N, C-alpha and C. Protein backbone atom coordinates (compact mmCIF):
# COMPACT_ATOMS: atom_id res chain seq x y z
N UNK A 1 0.84 -1.25 -0.03
CA UNK A 1 0.03 0.02 0.03
C UNK A 1 0.87 1.19 0.02
N UNK A 2 0.58 2.18 -0.85
CA UNK A 2 1.25 3.47 -0.94
C UNK A 2 1.07 4.30 0.25
N UNK A 3 2.08 5.02 0.68
CA UNK A 3 1.96 6.01 1.79
C UNK A 3 1.23 7.19 1.29
N UNK A 4 0.40 7.77 2.12
CA UNK A 4 -0.14 9.09 1.86
C UNK A 4 0.73 10.21 2.46
N UNK A 5 1.68 10.72 1.72
CA UNK A 5 2.61 11.66 2.30
C UNK A 5 1.98 12.99 2.69
N UNK A 6 0.95 13.41 2.07
CA UNK A 6 0.25 14.62 2.53
C UNK A 6 -0.44 14.36 3.87
N UNK A 7 -1.06 13.21 3.99
CA UNK A 7 -1.71 12.85 5.22
C UNK A 7 -0.66 12.83 6.41
N UNK A 8 0.36 12.23 6.10
CA UNK A 8 1.50 12.01 7.06
C UNK A 8 2.00 13.41 7.41
N UNK A 9 2.20 14.32 6.47
CA UNK A 9 2.64 15.66 6.72
C UNK A 9 1.64 16.41 7.56
N UNK A 10 0.43 16.29 7.20
CA UNK A 10 -0.61 17.06 7.98
C UNK A 10 -0.68 16.59 9.46
N UNK A 11 -0.60 15.30 9.68
CA UNK A 11 -0.67 14.78 11.04
C UNK A 11 0.57 15.15 11.86
N UNK A 12 1.73 15.18 11.13
CA UNK A 12 3.07 15.71 11.69
C UNK A 12 2.90 17.11 12.12
N UNK A 13 2.34 17.91 11.28
CA UNK A 13 2.12 19.32 11.72
C UNK A 13 1.29 19.51 12.88
N UNK A 14 0.25 18.70 12.96
CA UNK A 14 -0.75 18.82 14.06
C UNK A 14 0.05 18.41 15.36
N UNK A 15 0.84 17.31 15.30
CA UNK A 15 1.56 16.85 16.57
C UNK A 15 2.57 17.91 16.91
N UNK A 16 3.24 18.49 15.87
CA UNK A 16 4.28 19.52 16.27
C UNK A 16 3.66 20.75 16.97
N UNK A 17 2.41 21.08 16.46
CA UNK A 17 1.72 22.19 17.08
C UNK A 17 1.33 21.89 18.51
N UNK A 18 0.89 20.65 18.72
CA UNK A 18 0.65 20.21 20.14
C UNK A 18 1.92 20.19 21.08
N UNK A 19 3.07 19.77 20.53
CA UNK A 19 4.29 19.85 21.21
C UNK A 19 4.65 21.25 21.55
N UNK A 20 4.52 22.23 20.57
CA UNK A 20 4.78 23.62 20.80
C UNK A 20 4.00 24.12 21.87
N UNK A 21 2.69 23.77 21.99
CA UNK A 21 1.85 24.30 23.08
C UNK A 21 2.31 23.67 24.48
N UNK A 22 2.78 22.44 24.38
CA UNK A 22 3.15 21.67 25.68
C UNK A 22 4.56 22.11 26.08
N UNK A 23 5.43 22.37 25.14
CA UNK A 23 6.89 22.75 25.54
C UNK A 23 7.31 24.00 24.63
N UNK A 24 6.70 25.13 24.94
CA UNK A 24 7.01 26.24 24.04
C UNK A 24 8.39 26.84 24.04
N UNK A 25 9.11 26.69 25.18
CA UNK A 25 10.48 27.24 25.19
C UNK A 25 11.44 26.44 24.34
N UNK A 26 11.33 25.18 24.53
CA UNK A 26 12.30 24.32 23.74
C UNK A 26 11.92 24.47 22.25
N UNK A 27 10.60 24.42 21.93
CA UNK A 27 10.21 24.52 20.49
C UNK A 27 10.60 25.83 19.94
N UNK A 28 10.46 26.96 20.62
CA UNK A 28 10.93 28.31 20.22
C UNK A 28 12.49 28.19 19.85
N UNK A 29 13.18 27.60 20.75
CA UNK A 29 14.62 27.43 20.52
C UNK A 29 14.90 26.65 19.32
N UNK A 30 14.20 25.57 19.10
CA UNK A 30 14.37 24.70 17.88
C UNK A 30 13.98 25.59 16.62
N UNK A 31 12.91 26.26 16.71
CA UNK A 31 12.47 27.16 15.60
C UNK A 31 13.56 28.14 15.24
N UNK A 32 14.17 28.81 16.29
CA UNK A 32 15.15 29.78 16.02
C UNK A 32 16.43 29.10 15.35
N UNK A 33 16.82 27.91 15.76
CA UNK A 33 17.93 27.22 15.09
C UNK A 33 17.56 26.83 13.63
N UNK A 34 16.29 26.38 13.43
CA UNK A 34 15.96 26.09 12.07
C UNK A 34 15.88 27.36 11.17
N UNK A 35 15.26 28.41 11.72
CA UNK A 35 15.35 29.69 10.92
C UNK A 35 16.71 30.18 10.58
N UNK A 36 17.64 30.00 11.53
CA UNK A 36 19.02 30.52 11.25
C UNK A 36 19.67 29.59 10.20
N UNK A 37 19.47 28.23 10.28
CA UNK A 37 20.06 27.35 9.34
C UNK A 37 19.44 27.54 7.93
N UNK A 38 18.26 27.89 7.85
CA UNK A 38 17.58 28.13 6.59
C UNK A 38 17.64 29.54 6.11
N UNK A 39 18.53 30.37 6.66
CA UNK A 39 18.81 31.68 6.18
C UNK A 39 20.34 31.73 5.90
N UNK A 40 20.77 30.94 4.94
CA UNK A 40 22.17 30.81 4.72
C UNK A 40 22.78 32.09 4.13
N UNK A 41 24.06 32.25 4.37
CA UNK A 41 24.77 33.39 3.79
C UNK A 41 25.26 33.13 2.32
N UNK A 42 25.86 31.96 2.08
CA UNK A 42 26.48 31.68 0.80
C UNK A 42 25.70 30.67 -0.03
N UNK A 43 24.86 29.86 0.52
CA UNK A 43 24.06 28.86 -0.11
C UNK A 43 22.60 29.42 -0.38
N UNK A 44 21.97 28.93 -1.27
CA UNK A 44 20.54 29.30 -1.43
C UNK A 44 19.72 28.30 -0.57
N UNK A 45 18.47 28.62 -0.26
CA UNK A 45 17.64 27.86 0.61
C UNK A 45 17.34 26.49 -0.02
N UNK A 46 17.17 26.39 -1.27
CA UNK A 46 16.88 25.11 -2.04
C UNK A 46 17.99 24.22 -1.68
N UNK A 47 19.23 24.68 -1.78
CA UNK A 47 20.38 23.74 -1.54
C UNK A 47 20.40 23.31 -0.11
N UNK A 48 20.15 24.29 0.89
CA UNK A 48 20.20 23.83 2.22
C UNK A 48 19.02 22.79 2.55
N UNK A 49 17.90 22.95 1.92
CA UNK A 49 16.78 21.98 2.07
C UNK A 49 17.28 20.59 1.56
N UNK A 50 17.93 20.64 0.32
CA UNK A 50 18.31 19.33 -0.21
C UNK A 50 19.42 18.72 0.74
N UNK A 51 20.28 19.51 1.38
CA UNK A 51 21.21 18.98 2.31
C UNK A 51 20.55 18.33 3.52
N UNK A 52 19.50 19.06 3.97
CA UNK A 52 18.77 18.55 5.13
C UNK A 52 18.01 17.32 4.78
N UNK A 53 17.54 17.27 3.59
CA UNK A 53 16.90 15.97 3.07
C UNK A 53 17.87 14.80 3.09
N UNK A 54 19.02 15.04 2.55
CA UNK A 54 20.02 14.01 2.51
C UNK A 54 20.42 13.48 3.95
N UNK A 55 20.51 14.45 4.84
CA UNK A 55 20.74 14.03 6.19
C UNK A 55 19.68 13.22 6.84
N UNK A 56 18.32 13.71 6.53
CA UNK A 56 17.18 12.98 7.07
C UNK A 56 17.14 11.57 6.49
N UNK A 57 17.51 11.42 5.28
CA UNK A 57 17.53 10.06 4.70
C UNK A 57 18.57 9.15 5.46
N UNK A 58 19.77 9.69 5.64
CA UNK A 58 20.85 8.88 6.34
C UNK A 58 20.43 8.66 7.79
N UNK A 59 19.83 9.61 8.38
CA UNK A 59 19.29 9.48 9.76
C UNK A 59 18.07 8.61 9.91
N UNK A 60 17.44 8.32 8.86
CA UNK A 60 16.31 7.49 8.77
C UNK A 60 15.12 8.04 9.59
N UNK A 61 14.87 9.39 9.37
CA UNK A 61 13.83 10.11 10.03
C UNK A 61 12.74 10.40 9.00
N UNK A 62 11.68 9.56 9.05
CA UNK A 62 10.57 9.78 8.06
C UNK A 62 9.97 11.14 8.15
N UNK A 63 9.72 11.65 9.39
CA UNK A 63 9.17 12.97 9.43
C UNK A 63 9.98 14.03 8.90
N UNK A 64 11.23 13.98 9.19
CA UNK A 64 12.27 14.97 8.61
C UNK A 64 12.24 14.84 7.07
N UNK A 65 12.27 13.63 6.68
CA UNK A 65 12.34 13.34 5.17
C UNK A 65 11.18 14.02 4.53
N UNK A 66 10.01 13.81 5.04
CA UNK A 66 8.83 14.39 4.49
C UNK A 66 8.77 15.90 4.54
N UNK A 67 9.19 16.43 5.66
CA UNK A 67 9.24 17.93 5.83
C UNK A 67 10.21 18.52 4.80
N UNK A 68 11.37 18.00 4.79
CA UNK A 68 12.44 18.58 3.91
C UNK A 68 12.22 18.36 2.39
N UNK A 69 11.46 17.25 2.06
CA UNK A 69 11.13 16.99 0.69
C UNK A 69 10.14 18.04 0.31
N UNK A 70 9.06 18.33 1.15
CA UNK A 70 8.10 19.27 0.86
C UNK A 70 8.71 20.68 0.74
N UNK A 71 9.70 20.95 1.64
CA UNK A 71 10.33 22.33 1.59
C UNK A 71 11.20 22.44 0.33
N UNK A 72 11.85 21.32 -0.09
CA UNK A 72 12.61 21.35 -1.30
C UNK A 72 11.72 21.71 -2.49
N UNK A 73 10.60 21.10 -2.60
CA UNK A 73 9.62 21.38 -3.69
C UNK A 73 9.17 22.88 -3.56
N UNK A 74 8.93 23.34 -2.38
CA UNK A 74 8.51 24.76 -2.21
C UNK A 74 9.59 25.75 -2.63
N UNK A 75 10.79 25.31 -2.47
CA UNK A 75 11.95 26.15 -2.92
C UNK A 75 12.46 25.89 -4.37
N UNK A 76 11.72 25.11 -5.09
CA UNK A 76 11.97 24.92 -6.52
C UNK A 76 12.91 23.88 -6.91
N UNK A 77 13.06 22.87 -6.04
CA UNK A 77 13.97 21.75 -6.38
C UNK A 77 13.35 20.94 -7.50
N UNK A 78 14.12 20.42 -8.46
CA UNK A 78 13.64 19.55 -9.46
C UNK A 78 13.77 18.10 -9.03
N UNK A 79 13.11 17.25 -9.75
CA UNK A 79 13.19 15.81 -9.42
C UNK A 79 14.66 15.33 -9.61
N UNK A 80 15.40 15.94 -10.57
CA UNK A 80 16.82 15.51 -10.87
C UNK A 80 17.68 15.98 -9.70
N UNK A 81 17.49 17.18 -9.16
CA UNK A 81 18.16 17.69 -8.01
C UNK A 81 17.89 16.81 -6.81
N UNK A 82 16.67 16.45 -6.63
CA UNK A 82 16.31 15.60 -5.46
C UNK A 82 17.07 14.29 -5.61
N UNK A 83 17.08 13.68 -6.78
CA UNK A 83 17.81 12.45 -7.01
C UNK A 83 19.29 12.56 -6.74
N UNK A 84 19.88 13.75 -7.09
CA UNK A 84 21.31 14.00 -6.75
C UNK A 84 21.49 13.95 -5.15
N UNK A 85 20.60 14.53 -4.47
CA UNK A 85 20.65 14.60 -3.03
C UNK A 85 20.53 13.15 -2.49
N UNK A 86 19.58 12.41 -3.00
CA UNK A 86 19.38 11.05 -2.63
C UNK A 86 20.62 10.21 -2.87
N UNK A 87 21.26 10.40 -4.04
CA UNK A 87 22.53 9.70 -4.32
C UNK A 87 23.60 10.00 -3.31
N UNK A 88 23.73 11.19 -2.87
CA UNK A 88 24.72 11.53 -1.82
C UNK A 88 24.38 10.78 -0.51
N UNK A 89 23.10 10.76 -0.15
CA UNK A 89 22.58 10.08 1.00
C UNK A 89 22.90 8.62 0.94
N UNK A 90 22.73 8.04 -0.28
CA UNK A 90 23.06 6.55 -0.39
C UNK A 90 24.59 6.37 -0.32
N UNK A 91 25.33 7.21 -0.88
CA UNK A 91 26.74 7.14 -0.74
C UNK A 91 27.19 7.14 0.77
N UNK A 92 26.50 7.96 1.49
CA UNK A 92 26.94 8.07 2.93
C UNK A 92 26.19 7.14 3.87
N UNK A 93 25.05 6.65 3.40
CA UNK A 93 24.21 5.91 4.27
C UNK A 93 24.06 4.43 3.96
N UNK A 94 24.51 4.08 2.77
CA UNK A 94 24.43 2.69 2.32
C UNK A 94 23.00 2.24 2.06
N UNK A 95 22.76 0.89 2.21
CA UNK A 95 21.55 0.24 1.86
C UNK A 95 20.35 0.88 2.50
N UNK A 96 20.35 1.05 3.79
CA UNK A 96 19.14 1.65 4.37
C UNK A 96 18.75 3.01 3.83
N UNK A 97 19.71 3.76 3.35
CA UNK A 97 19.36 5.03 2.65
C UNK A 97 18.65 4.87 1.44
N UNK A 98 18.78 3.70 0.79
CA UNK A 98 18.01 3.41 -0.52
C UNK A 98 16.50 3.33 -0.18
N UNK A 99 16.16 2.83 1.02
CA UNK A 99 14.75 2.66 1.33
C UNK A 99 14.21 4.05 1.60
N UNK A 100 14.87 4.85 2.38
CA UNK A 100 14.41 6.17 2.72
C UNK A 100 14.50 7.13 1.55
N UNK A 101 15.44 6.92 0.67
CA UNK A 101 15.56 7.62 -0.59
C UNK A 101 14.45 7.46 -1.51
N UNK A 102 13.99 6.16 -1.57
CA UNK A 102 12.76 5.84 -2.41
C UNK A 102 11.60 6.49 -1.81
N UNK A 103 11.49 6.59 -0.45
CA UNK A 103 10.36 7.37 0.14
C UNK A 103 10.53 8.81 -0.26
N UNK A 104 11.63 9.37 -0.23
CA UNK A 104 11.78 10.80 -0.46
C UNK A 104 11.36 11.09 -1.96
N UNK A 105 11.70 10.20 -2.84
CA UNK A 105 11.24 10.36 -4.28
C UNK A 105 9.78 10.20 -4.38
N UNK A 106 9.18 9.28 -3.72
CA UNK A 106 7.70 9.14 -3.83
C UNK A 106 7.02 10.35 -3.15
N UNK A 107 7.55 10.87 -2.03
CA UNK A 107 7.01 12.10 -1.44
C UNK A 107 7.21 13.27 -2.35
N UNK A 108 8.36 13.44 -3.07
CA UNK A 108 8.65 14.47 -4.01
C UNK A 108 7.47 14.42 -5.09
N UNK A 109 7.25 13.23 -5.61
CA UNK A 109 6.20 13.10 -6.63
C UNK A 109 4.79 13.52 -6.22
N UNK A 110 4.55 13.29 -4.93
CA UNK A 110 3.22 13.70 -4.28
C UNK A 110 3.18 15.20 -4.24
N UNK A 111 4.24 15.82 -3.64
CA UNK A 111 4.25 17.22 -3.33
C UNK A 111 4.39 18.10 -4.55
N UNK A 112 4.98 17.46 -5.65
CA UNK A 112 5.22 18.35 -6.83
C UNK A 112 4.13 18.18 -7.86
N UNK A 113 3.19 17.25 -7.60
CA UNK A 113 2.05 17.10 -8.55
C UNK A 113 1.05 18.24 -8.58
């Protein structure tokens, strides 16, 4: 059965909002780190999102993978660019990265449709 990446993303957003209400200080801190990392000086945001996606694949974090795939689409990443990021993840993460890389590609196809 195919995963519904939009449904997973929506549920994830809801849980994150609940966590933000329950632990606002730590979540504000995390948001500040995220905003700083996604405001690069020399790289464009699309590139940093593809980097984050490659790391999410190697770390085997489905939620991160979905978030950064969606953000990559938002910032104009092409399917070919996403595949390049997946290739780097596979290089660094081996066989398990192929599983999460395939999920990232499927999520890309969902969010870019």
